[in-house]
Protein backbone atom coordinates (compact mmCIF):
# COMPACT_ATOMS: atom_id res chain seq x y z
CA MET A 1 -0.07 0.03 -0.01
CA ASP A 2 3.01 2.31 0.02
CA GLU A 3 2.42 3.65 3.62
CA PRO A 4 5.12 4.87 5.93
CA SER A 5 6.19 2.15 8.54
CA SER A 6 4.75 4.46 11.21
CA SER A 7 1.22 4.40 9.67
CA ILE A 8 -1.70 2.66 11.24
CA LEU A 9 -3.92 1.10 8.55
CA SER A 10 -7.56 0.78 9.64
CA VAL A 11 -9.35 -2.40 8.31
CA ASP A 12 -12.58 -4.10 9.33
CA ILE A 13 -12.18 -7.83 9.32
CA PRO A 14 -15.22 -9.84 10.48
CA VAL A 15 -13.90 -12.88 12.41
CA THR A 16 -15.97 -16.05 13.14
CA ARG A 17 -14.97 -18.93 15.57
CA GLY A 18 -12.59 -21.16 13.80
CA ASP A 19 -11.30 -18.56 11.27
CA VAL A 20 -7.67 -18.36 10.48
CA ILE A 21 -6.42 -14.78 9.85
CA GLY A 22 -3.12 -13.95 8.29
CA ILE A 23 -1.30 -10.69 8.46
CA LEU A 24 1.49 -9.80 6.10
CA GLY A 25 3.56 -6.60 6.44
CA ALA A 26 7.01 -5.31 5.98
CA THR A 27 8.72 -1.97 5.20
CA GLY A 28 10.66 -1.07 2.10
CA THR A 29 10.16 -1.28 -1.63
CA THR A 30 12.85 -3.13 -3.52
CA THR A 31 13.94 -4.93 -0.30
CA MET A 32 11.46 -6.04 2.40
CA HIS A 33 12.49 -5.26 5.96
CA THR A 34 11.09 -6.74 9.16
CA SER A 35 12.27 -7.76 12.54
CA TYR A 36 11.67 -11.32 13.89
CA GLY A 37 10.55 -12.92 17.05
CA GLN A 38 9.56 -16.23 18.56
CA ASN A 39 7.53 -18.57 16.48
CA ASN A 40 4.44 -20.24 17.98
CA PHE A 41 4.06 -17.22 20.17
CA VAL A 42 0.98 -17.48 22.56
CA THR A 43 -0.76 -14.23 23.12
CA ASN A 44 -4.30 -13.15 24.19
CA ILE A 45 -6.88 -11.52 21.97
CA ASP A 46 -10.18 -10.38 23.63
CA GLY A 47 -9.68 -12.92 26.38
CA HIS A 48 -8.87 -15.91 24.08
CA SER A 49 -5.49 -17.55 24.07
CA VAL A 50 -4.11 -17.49 20.46
CA MET A 51 -0.99 -18.93 19.00
CA LEU A 52 0.83 -16.87 16.36
CA LYS A 53 2.64 -18.62 13.61
CA ARG A 54 4.89 -17.48 10.85
CA LEU A 55 3.13 -16.78 7.55
CA GLY A 56 5.12 -15.67 4.43
CA MET A 57 5.40 -15.54 0.71
CA TRP A 58 8.48 -15.46 -1.62
CA TYR A 59 7.31 -12.29 -3.53
CA ASN A 60 7.87 -8.68 -2.85
CA LEU A 61 4.86 -7.46 -0.92
CA TYR A 62 5.38 -3.85 -2.17
CA GLU A 63 5.01 -5.15 -5.88
CA ASN A 64 2.71 -8.17 -5.54
CA PRO A 65 -0.59 -9.01 -3.96
CA ALA A 66 -0.53 -11.82 -1.38
CA GLN A 67 -0.04 -15.19 -3.20
CA ASP A 68 1.47 -18.68 -2.75
CA LEU A 69 1.48 -18.24 1.14
CA TYR A 70 3.36 -20.68 3.41
CA HIS A 71 3.95 -21.23 7.01
CA SER A 72 7.00 -22.52 8.65
CA SER A 73 8.76 -23.18 11.97
CA ASN A 74 11.23 -20.28 11.35
CA GLU A 75 11.10 -17.07 13.44
CA LEU A 76 7.87 -15.10 12.96
CA GLY A 77 7.94 -11.51 11.45
CA ARG A 78 6.75 -8.87 13.63
CA VAL A 79 3.68 -6.76 12.45
CA GLU A 80 2.04 -4.60 14.97
CA MET A 81 -1.85 -5.21 15.03
CA TRP A 82 -4.30 -3.53 17.25
CA TYR A 83 -7.97 -4.76 17.45
CA LYS A 84 -11.32 -3.58 18.85
CA ALA A 85 -13.67 -6.22 19.99
CA ASP A 86 -17.48 -5.55 19.62
């Protein structure tokens, strides 16, 4: 979306029990930059325990839509996400 790394992008994603939601994000244009953290990280979203796992793709996210997604046991890329529960 060509937004500065400090931008907050507002989206509305309806979530139903059992849904799997993937978030891709990085900074840069020619080279994608991110920082990494522990894979299979357990966090809490609106009182529910959620395990975060690595999601990725081999294409430049600046130049391509999400496609050919994969998950692995490697470190997970950090993307800040805020949520508002209804």
